[in-house]
Amino acid sequence: MPGVHLGPHSTAVERKAAHQAEQEGREYEPRTYRARANADAAEKNGIAKALRHIIESAEQAIAKVQQAAEDLMDWFADLADEVGRDAIERKEQERQERQRAIMERLAREQREAQKRAEQESARQKLIDEGFTGGRKGPGGRRR
């Protein structure tokens, strides 16, 4: 929106109001009708400019997303042509077999760790009983 010409009288009034607001430490507010109209026009122009920028950014983002979608569709088409469904199924089976092998290895390692812990516990118990001979001394304590 275009602004309006203030003229010398309105300009002087606005300068004085701005100076007075600055001295009093408050925000300047236009005094004359024309200055208020110019402030409103400037605010509306700022909003319009910001909206135009948002719209342009959105249009650019949409274009990028559309291009990425087209590229992705092309890639999938090429992949399907190159690999074929049988190869995809084979790869999935191989992945599942690898997962099974990992799970079995983890279960085996867990069983072995548990067995070692039990053996260590039994060994420690034998050592403890070996020092005391399994007999109790005075006061009910083992010797």
N, C-alpha and C. Protein backbone atom coordinates (compact mmCIF):
# COMPACT_ATOMS: atom_id res chain seq x y z
N MET A 1 0.84 -1.16 0.00
CA MET A 1 0.00 0.00 0.00
C MET A 1 0.90 1.24 0.00
N PRO A 2 0.54 2.23 -0.77
CA PRO A 2 1.34 3.46 -0.80
C PRO A 2 1.05 4.30 0.43
N GLY A 3 2.02 5.10 0.82
CA GLY A 3 1.83 6.03 1.93
C GLY A 3 1.32 7.36 1.39
N VAL A 4 1.00 8.27 2.30
CA VAL A 4 0.54 9.60 1.90
C VAL A 4 1.60 10.62 2.29
N HIS A 5 1.67 11.70 1.54
CA HIS A 5 2.63 12.75 1.82
C HIS A 5 2.19 13.49 3.07
N LEU A 6 3.12 13.66 4.04
CA LEU A 6 2.77 14.30 5.29
C LEU A 6 2.70 15.83 5.18
N GLY A 7 3.59 16.41 4.46
CA GLY A 7 3.64 17.87 4.39
C GLY A 7 4.42 18.43 5.56
N PRO A 8 4.78 19.72 5.48
CA PRO A 8 5.65 20.31 6.50
C PRO A 8 5.00 20.39 7.88
N HIS A 9 3.73 20.71 7.96
CA HIS A 9 3.08 20.84 9.26
C HIS A 9 3.01 19.49 9.98
N SER A 10 2.54 18.43 9.30
CA SER A 10 2.43 17.10 9.92
C SER A 10 3.81 16.56 10.27
N THR A 11 4.79 16.82 9.41
CA THR A 11 6.16 16.35 9.69
C THR A 11 6.68 16.97 10.97
N ALA A 12 6.45 18.28 11.14
CA ALA A 12 6.91 18.97 12.35
C ALA A 12 6.21 18.41 13.59
N VAL A 13 4.91 18.18 13.51
CA VAL A 13 4.17 17.63 14.64
C VAL A 13 4.71 16.25 15.01
N GLU A 14 4.96 15.41 14.02
CA GLU A 14 5.45 14.05 14.26
C GLU A 14 6.86 14.06 14.83
N ARG A 15 7.73 14.94 14.32
CA ARG A 15 9.09 15.04 14.86
C ARG A 15 9.05 15.42 16.33
N LYS A 16 8.22 16.39 16.65
CA LYS A 16 8.09 16.84 18.04
C LYS A 16 7.57 15.70 18.92
N ALA A 17 6.57 14.95 18.47
CA ALA A 17 6.01 13.84 19.24
C ALA A 17 7.04 12.73 19.44
N ALA A 18 7.83 12.46 18.40
CA ALA A 18 8.87 11.42 18.50
C ALA A 18 9.94 11.85 19.50
N HIS A 19 10.36 13.12 19.46
CA HIS A 19 11.38 13.62 20.37
C HIS A 19 10.87 13.57 21.81
N GLN A 20 9.62 13.97 22.02
CA GLN A 20 9.02 13.98 23.35
C GLN A 20 8.91 12.54 23.88
N ALA A 21 8.50 11.60 23.05
CA ALA A 21 8.39 10.20 23.47
C ALA A 21 9.76 9.65 23.86
N GLU A 22 10.79 10.02 23.10
CA GLU A 22 12.15 9.56 23.39
C GLU A 22 12.61 10.11 24.75
N GLN A 23 12.34 11.38 25.02
CA GLN A 23 12.74 11.99 26.29
C GLN A 23 12.00 11.35 27.47
N GLU A 24 10.77 10.96 27.26
CA GLU A 24 9.98 10.37 28.34
C GLU A 24 10.20 8.86 28.45
N GLY A 25 10.97 8.30 27.52
CA GLY A 25 11.28 6.87 27.57
C GLY A 25 10.12 5.97 27.19
N ARG A 26 9.27 6.45 26.33
CA ARG A 26 8.15 5.63 25.88
C ARG A 26 8.21 5.47 24.37
N GLU A 27 7.38 4.57 23.88
CA GLU A 27 7.36 4.30 22.44
C GLU A 27 6.58 5.41 21.71
N TYR A 28 7.12 5.79 20.58
CA TYR A 28 6.49 6.85 19.76
C TYR A 28 5.23 6.31 19.08
N GLU A 29 4.18 7.09 19.13
CA GLU A 29 2.95 6.77 18.42
C GLU A 29 2.59 7.95 17.54
N PRO A 30 2.25 7.70 16.28
CA PRO A 30 1.91 8.81 15.37
C PRO A 30 0.75 9.63 15.93
N ARG A 31 0.82 10.98 15.69
CA ARG A 31 -0.19 11.89 16.22
C ARG A 31 -1.22 12.29 15.17
N THR A 32 -0.75 12.48 13.95
CA THR A 32 -1.66 12.99 12.92
C THR A 32 -2.31 11.84 12.17
N TYR A 33 -3.43 12.13 11.54
CA TYR A 33 -4.15 11.14 10.75
C TYR A 33 -3.26 10.58 9.65
N ARG A 34 -2.52 11.45 8.96
CA ARG A 34 -1.68 11.00 7.84
C ARG A 34 -0.54 10.10 8.34
N ALA A 35 0.07 10.45 9.46
CA ALA A 35 1.16 9.62 10.00
C ALA A 35 0.63 8.25 10.44
N ARG A 36 -0.58 8.24 11.03
CA ARG A 36 -1.18 6.95 11.42
C ARG A 36 -1.49 6.12 10.17
N ALA A 37 -1.96 6.77 9.12
CA ALA A 37 -2.24 6.06 7.87
C ALA A 37 -0.95 5.48 7.28
N ASN A 38 0.14 6.25 7.34
CA ASN A 38 1.43 5.75 6.84
C ASN A 38 1.93 4.59 7.69
N ALA A 39 1.75 4.65 9.02
CA ALA A 39 2.18 3.56 9.89
C ALA A 39 1.38 2.29 9.60
N ASP A 40 0.07 2.46 9.40
CA ASP A 40 -0.78 1.31 9.05
C ASP A 40 -0.36 0.71 7.72
N ALA A 41 -0.08 1.57 6.73
CA ALA A 41 0.34 1.08 5.41
C ALA A 41 1.67 0.34 5.52
N ALA A 42 2.60 0.89 6.31
CA ALA A 42 3.90 0.23 6.47
C ALA A 42 3.74 -1.13 7.15
N GLU A 43 2.87 -1.22 8.16
CA GLU A 43 2.63 -2.49 8.83
C GLU A 43 2.02 -3.51 7.87
N LYS A 44 1.02 -3.07 7.09
CA LYS A 44 0.38 -3.98 6.14
C LYS A 44 1.36 -4.40 5.06
N ASN A 45 2.22 -3.49 4.62
CA ASN A 45 3.24 -3.84 3.61
C ASN A 45 4.23 -4.86 4.17
N GLY A 46 4.60 -4.71 5.45
CA GLY A 46 5.51 -5.69 6.07
C GLY A 46 4.88 -7.06 6.15
N ILE A 47 3.60 -7.09 6.52
CA ILE A 47 2.89 -8.37 6.60
C ILE A 47 2.78 -9.00 5.21
N ALA A 48 2.45 -8.19 4.22
CA ALA A 48 2.33 -8.71 2.85
C ALA A 48 3.66 -9.26 2.35
N LYS A 49 4.75 -8.56 2.68
CA LYS A 49 6.09 -9.01 2.26
C LYS A 49 6.43 -10.34 2.93
N ALA A 50 6.14 -10.44 4.22
CA ALA A 50 6.41 -11.69 4.94
C ALA A 50 5.58 -12.84 4.37
N LEU A 51 4.32 -12.57 4.05
CA LEU A 51 3.47 -13.62 3.47
C LEU A 51 3.98 -14.05 2.10
N ARG A 52 4.41 -13.07 1.29
CA ARG A 52 4.98 -13.43 -0.02
C ARG A 52 6.20 -14.32 0.14
N HIS A 53 7.03 -13.99 1.11
CA HIS A 53 8.24 -14.79 1.37
C HIS A 53 7.86 -16.21 1.82
N ILE A 54 6.85 -16.32 2.68
CA ILE A 54 6.40 -17.64 3.14
C ILE A 54 5.85 -18.46 1.97
N ILE A 55 5.08 -17.82 1.13
CA ILE A 55 4.50 -18.52 -0.02
C ILE A 55 5.59 -18.99 -0.97
N GLU A 56 6.57 -18.13 -1.24
CA GLU A 56 7.67 -18.52 -2.12
C GLU A 56 8.45 -19.70 -1.53
N SER A 57 8.71 -19.65 -0.23
CA SER A 57 9.43 -20.75 0.42
C SER A 57 8.63 -22.04 0.35
N ALA A 58 7.32 -21.95 0.56
CA ALA A 58 6.48 -23.14 0.49
C ALA A 58 6.46 -23.72 -0.92
N GLU A 59 6.38 -22.85 -1.92
CA GLU A 59 6.39 -23.32 -3.30
C GLU A 59 7.70 -24.02 -3.63
N GLN A 60 8.82 -23.47 -3.15
CA GLN A 60 10.12 -24.11 -3.37
C GLN A 60 10.19 -25.47 -2.68
N ALA A 61 9.68 -25.54 -1.46
CA ALA A 61 9.69 -26.80 -0.72
C ALA A 61 8.83 -27.84 -1.43
N ILE A 62 7.67 -27.43 -1.92
CA ILE A 62 6.79 -28.35 -2.64
C ILE A 62 7.47 -28.87 -3.90
N ALA A 63 8.14 -28.00 -4.61
CA ALA A 63 8.83 -28.42 -5.82
C ALA A 63 9.93 -29.43 -5.49
N LYS A 64 10.66 -29.19 -4.40
CA LYS A 64 11.72 -30.13 -4.00
C LYS A 64 11.14 -31.48 -3.60
N VAL A 65 10.03 -31.47 -2.88
CA VAL A 65 9.39 -32.73 -2.47
C VAL A 65 8.89 -33.49 -3.70
N GLN A 66 8.30 -32.78 -4.64
CA GLN A 66 7.82 -33.43 -5.86
C GLN A 66 8.98 -34.06 -6.62
N GLN A 67 10.09 -33.34 -6.72
CA GLN A 67 11.25 -33.88 -7.43
C GLN A 67 11.82 -35.09 -6.69
N ALA A 68 11.87 -35.02 -5.38
CA ALA A 68 12.37 -36.15 -4.60
C ALA A 68 11.46 -37.36 -4.77
N ALA A 69 10.16 -37.15 -4.80
CA ALA A 69 9.22 -38.26 -4.99
C ALA A 69 9.41 -38.90 -6.36
N GLU A 70 9.59 -38.07 -7.38
CA GLU A 70 9.83 -38.62 -8.73
C GLU A 70 11.13 -39.40 -8.76
N ASP A 71 12.17 -38.86 -8.14
CA ASP A 71 13.47 -39.56 -8.10
C ASP A 71 13.34 -40.89 -7.37
N LEU A 72 12.59 -40.89 -6.28
CA LEU A 72 12.42 -42.12 -5.52
C LEU A 72 11.64 -43.17 -6.32
N MET A 73 10.62 -42.75 -7.02
CA MET A 73 9.86 -43.68 -7.85
C MET A 73 10.74 -44.25 -8.96
N ASP A 74 11.56 -43.41 -9.57
CA ASP A 74 12.49 -43.90 -10.60
C ASP A 74 13.46 -44.92 -10.01
N TRP A 75 13.95 -44.61 -8.81
CA TRP A 75 14.90 -45.52 -8.17
C TRP A 75 14.26 -46.87 -7.89
N PHE A 76 13.04 -46.86 -7.38
CA PHE A 76 12.34 -48.12 -7.11
C PHE A 76 12.09 -48.90 -8.40
N ALA A 77 11.73 -48.20 -9.44
CA ALA A 77 11.50 -48.88 -10.72
C ALA A 77 12.79 -49.52 -11.22
N ASP A 78 13.89 -48.79 -11.13
CA ASP A 78 15.19 -49.34 -11.54
C ASP A 78 15.58 -50.53 -10.68
N LEU A 79 15.35 -50.41 -9.38
CA LEU A 79 15.69 -51.51 -8.47
C LEU A 79 14.88 -52.76 -8.80
N ALA A 80 13.61 -52.57 -9.04
CA ALA A 80 12.75 -53.72 -9.37
C ALA A 80 13.21 -54.36 -10.67
N ASP A 81 13.58 -53.54 -11.64
CA ASP A 81 14.06 -54.08 -12.91
C ASP A 81 15.37 -54.84 -12.75
N GLU A 82 16.30 -54.27 -12.00
CA GLU A 82 17.63 -54.88 -11.84
C GLU A 82 17.58 -56.15 -10.99
N VAL A 83 16.94 -56.07 -9.89
CA VAL A 83 17.02 -57.14 -8.90
C VAL A 83 15.95 -58.20 -9.12
N GLY A 84 14.76 -57.78 -9.37
CA GLY A 84 13.67 -58.74 -9.53
C GLY A 84 13.14 -59.20 -8.19
N ARG A 85 11.95 -59.73 -8.24
CA ARG A 85 11.30 -60.15 -6.99
C ARG A 85 12.00 -61.32 -6.33
N ASP A 86 12.51 -62.26 -7.12
CA ASP A 86 13.18 -63.43 -6.53
C ASP A 86 14.40 -63.02 -5.73
N ALA A 87 15.16 -62.10 -6.28
CA ALA A 87 16.37 -61.65 -5.58
C ALA A 87 16.01 -60.92 -4.29
N ILE A 88 14.94 -60.16 -4.32
CA ILE A 88 14.50 -59.45 -3.11
C ILE A 88 14.10 -60.46 -2.04
N GLU A 89 13.36 -61.50 -2.44
CA GLU A 89 12.95 -62.52 -1.48
C GLU A 89 14.16 -63.27 -0.93
N ARG A 90 15.14 -63.55 -1.79
CA ARG A 90 16.36 -64.22 -1.34
C ARG A 90 17.10 -63.37 -0.31
N LYS A 91 17.19 -62.10 -0.57
CA LYS A 91 17.88 -61.21 0.37
C LYS A 91 17.14 -61.16 1.71
N GLU A 92 15.84 -61.16 1.66
CA GLU A 92 15.06 -61.15 2.90
C GLU A 92 15.28 -62.44 3.67
N GLN A 93 15.31 -63.59 2.97
CA GLN A 93 15.58 -64.86 3.64
C GLN A 93 16.96 -64.87 4.27
N GLU A 94 17.94 -64.35 3.55
CA GLU A 94 19.30 -64.28 4.08
C GLU A 94 19.34 -63.41 5.34
N ARG A 95 18.62 -62.31 5.30
CA ARG A 95 18.58 -61.41 6.47
C ARG A 95 17.96 -62.13 7.66
N GLN A 96 16.87 -62.87 7.41
CA GLN A 96 16.22 -63.60 8.49
C GLN A 96 17.13 -64.69 9.04
N GLU A 97 17.87 -65.38 8.16
CA GLU A 97 18.81 -66.42 8.61
C GLU A 97 19.93 -65.80 9.45
N ARG A 98 20.42 -64.64 9.03
CA ARG A 98 21.46 -63.97 9.82
C ARG A 98 20.92 -63.59 11.20
N GLN A 99 19.69 -63.12 11.24
CA GLN A 99 19.08 -62.77 12.53
C GLN A 99 18.93 -64.01 13.41
N ARG A 100 18.50 -65.13 12.81
CA ARG A 100 18.36 -66.37 13.56
C ARG A 100 19.71 -66.81 14.13
N ALA A 101 20.75 -66.75 13.29
CA ALA A 101 22.08 -67.15 13.73
C ALA A 101 22.57 -66.27 14.88
N ILE A 102 22.31 -65.00 14.79
CA ILE A 102 22.70 -64.08 15.86
C ILE A 102 21.96 -64.41 17.14
N MET A 103 20.66 -64.65 17.03
CA MET A 103 19.86 -64.98 18.21
C MET A 103 20.34 -66.29 18.85
N GLU A 104 20.66 -67.29 18.02
CA GLU A 104 21.16 -68.56 18.55
C GLU A 104 22.50 -68.38 19.24
N ARG A 105 23.38 -67.58 18.63
CA ARG A 105 24.69 -67.32 19.23
C ARG A 105 24.53 -66.60 20.57
N LEU A 106 23.65 -65.64 20.62
CA LEU A 106 23.41 -64.91 21.88
C LEU A 106 22.85 -65.85 22.95
N ALA A 107 21.92 -66.71 22.57
CA ALA A 107 21.34 -67.66 23.53
C ALA A 107 22.42 -68.62 24.03
N ARG A 108 23.28 -69.11 23.13
CA ARG A 108 24.36 -70.01 23.51
C ARG A 108 25.34 -69.31 24.46
N GLU A 109 25.69 -68.09 24.15
CA GLU A 109 26.60 -67.34 25.01
C GLU A 109 25.97 -67.09 26.38
N GLN A 110 24.69 -66.86 26.41
CA GLN A 110 24.01 -66.64 27.69
C GLN A 110 24.01 -67.92 28.52
N ARG A 111 23.74 -69.06 27.85
CA ARG A 111 23.77 -70.34 28.56
C ARG A 111 25.17 -70.62 29.10
N GLU A 112 26.19 -70.36 28.29
CA GLU A 112 27.57 -70.59 28.73
C GLU A 112 27.94 -69.68 29.90
N ALA A 113 27.51 -68.44 29.84
CA ALA A 113 27.80 -67.50 30.94
C ALA A 113 27.11 -67.95 32.21
N GLN A 114 25.88 -68.45 32.09
CA GLN A 114 25.15 -68.93 33.26
C GLN A 114 25.85 -70.18 33.83
N LYS A 115 26.30 -71.05 32.94
CA LYS A 115 26.99 -72.27 33.38
C LYS A 115 28.29 -71.90 34.10
N ARG A 116 29.03 -70.94 33.55
CA ARG A 116 30.28 -70.50 34.20
C ARG A 116 30.00 -69.90 35.58
N ALA A 117 28.90 -69.13 35.65
CA ALA A 117 28.54 -68.52 36.94
C ALA A 117 28.19 -69.60 37.96
N GLU A 118 27.47 -70.64 37.53
CA GLU A 118 27.12 -71.73 38.44
C GLU A 118 28.37 -72.48 38.87
N GLN A 119 29.29 -72.73 37.93
CA GLN A 119 30.53 -73.42 38.26
C GLN A 119 31.37 -72.60 39.24
N GLU A 120 31.42 -71.30 39.01
CA GLU A 120 32.18 -70.43 39.89
C GLU A 120 31.57 -70.41 41.29
N SER A 121 30.23 -70.40 41.34
CA SER A 121 29.54 -70.43 42.62
C SER A 121 29.84 -71.73 43.36
N ALA A 122 29.78 -72.85 42.63
CA ALA A 122 30.07 -74.16 43.25
C ALA A 122 31.52 -74.22 43.71
N ARG A 123 32.44 -73.71 42.91
CA ARG A 123 33.86 -73.71 43.27
C ARG A 123 34.09 -72.87 44.52
N GLN A 124 33.43 -71.71 44.57
CA GLN A 124 33.58 -70.83 45.74
C GLN A 124 33.02 -71.51 46.99
N LYS A 125 31.93 -72.23 46.82
CA LYS A 125 31.33 -72.94 47.95
C LYS A 125 32.27 -74.02 48.46
N LEU A 126 32.91 -74.75 47.53
CA LEU A 126 33.87 -75.79 47.93
C LEU A 126 35.07 -75.17 48.64
N ILE A 127 35.52 -74.04 48.15
CA ILE A 127 36.65 -73.37 48.79
C ILE A 127 36.28 -72.94 50.20
N ASP A 128 35.09 -72.35 50.35
CA ASP A 128 34.63 -71.90 51.67
C ASP A 128 34.51 -73.08 52.62
N GLU A 129 33.96 -74.19 52.16
CA GLU A 129 33.80 -75.37 53.01
C GLU A 129 35.14 -76.01 53.31
N GLY A 130 36.09 -75.90 52.39
CA GLY A 130 37.41 -76.48 52.59
C GLY A 130 38.17 -75.77 53.70
N PHE A 131 38.02 -74.50 53.83
CA PHE A 131 38.72 -73.77 54.88
C PHE A 131 38.15 -74.09 56.26
N THR A 132 36.87 -74.35 56.31
CA THR A 132 36.24 -74.59 57.62
C THR A 132 36.11 -76.08 57.91
N GLY A 133 36.33 -76.85 56.93
CA GLY A 133 36.22 -78.29 57.13
C GLY A 133 34.80 -78.74 57.33
N GLY A 134 33.86 -77.86 57.15
CA GLY A 134 32.47 -78.25 57.30
C GLY A 134 32.04 -78.40 58.75
N ARG A 135 32.95 -78.14 59.73
CA ARG A 135 32.62 -78.31 61.14
C ARG A 135 32.35 -76.96 61.76
N LYS A 136 31.51 -76.99 62.78
CA LYS A 136 31.19 -75.77 63.50
C LYS A 136 31.98 -75.75 64.80
N GLY A 137 32.45 -74.57 65.14
CA GLY A 137 33.18 -74.44 66.41
C GLY A 137 32.27 -73.84 67.45
N PRO A 138 32.84 -73.31 68.54
CA PRO A 138 32.04 -72.70 69.61
C PRO A 138 31.26 -71.51 69.06
N GLY A 139 30.06 -71.32 69.54
CA GLY A 139 29.22 -70.19 69.11
C GLY A 139 28.52 -70.46 67.81
N GLY A 140 28.61 -71.67 67.29
CA GLY A 140 27.90 -72.03 66.07
C GLY A 140 28.58 -71.54 64.81
N ARG A 141 29.81 -71.06 64.94
CA ARG A 141 30.51 -70.58 63.75
C ARG A 141 31.40 -71.67 63.21
N ARG A 142 31.60 -71.64 61.94
CA ARG A 142 32.48 -72.62 61.30
C ARG A 142 33.93 -72.24 61.61
N ARG A 143 34.76 -73.25 61.72
CA ARG A 143 36.18 -72.97 61.96
C ARG A 143 36.92 -72.75 60.69
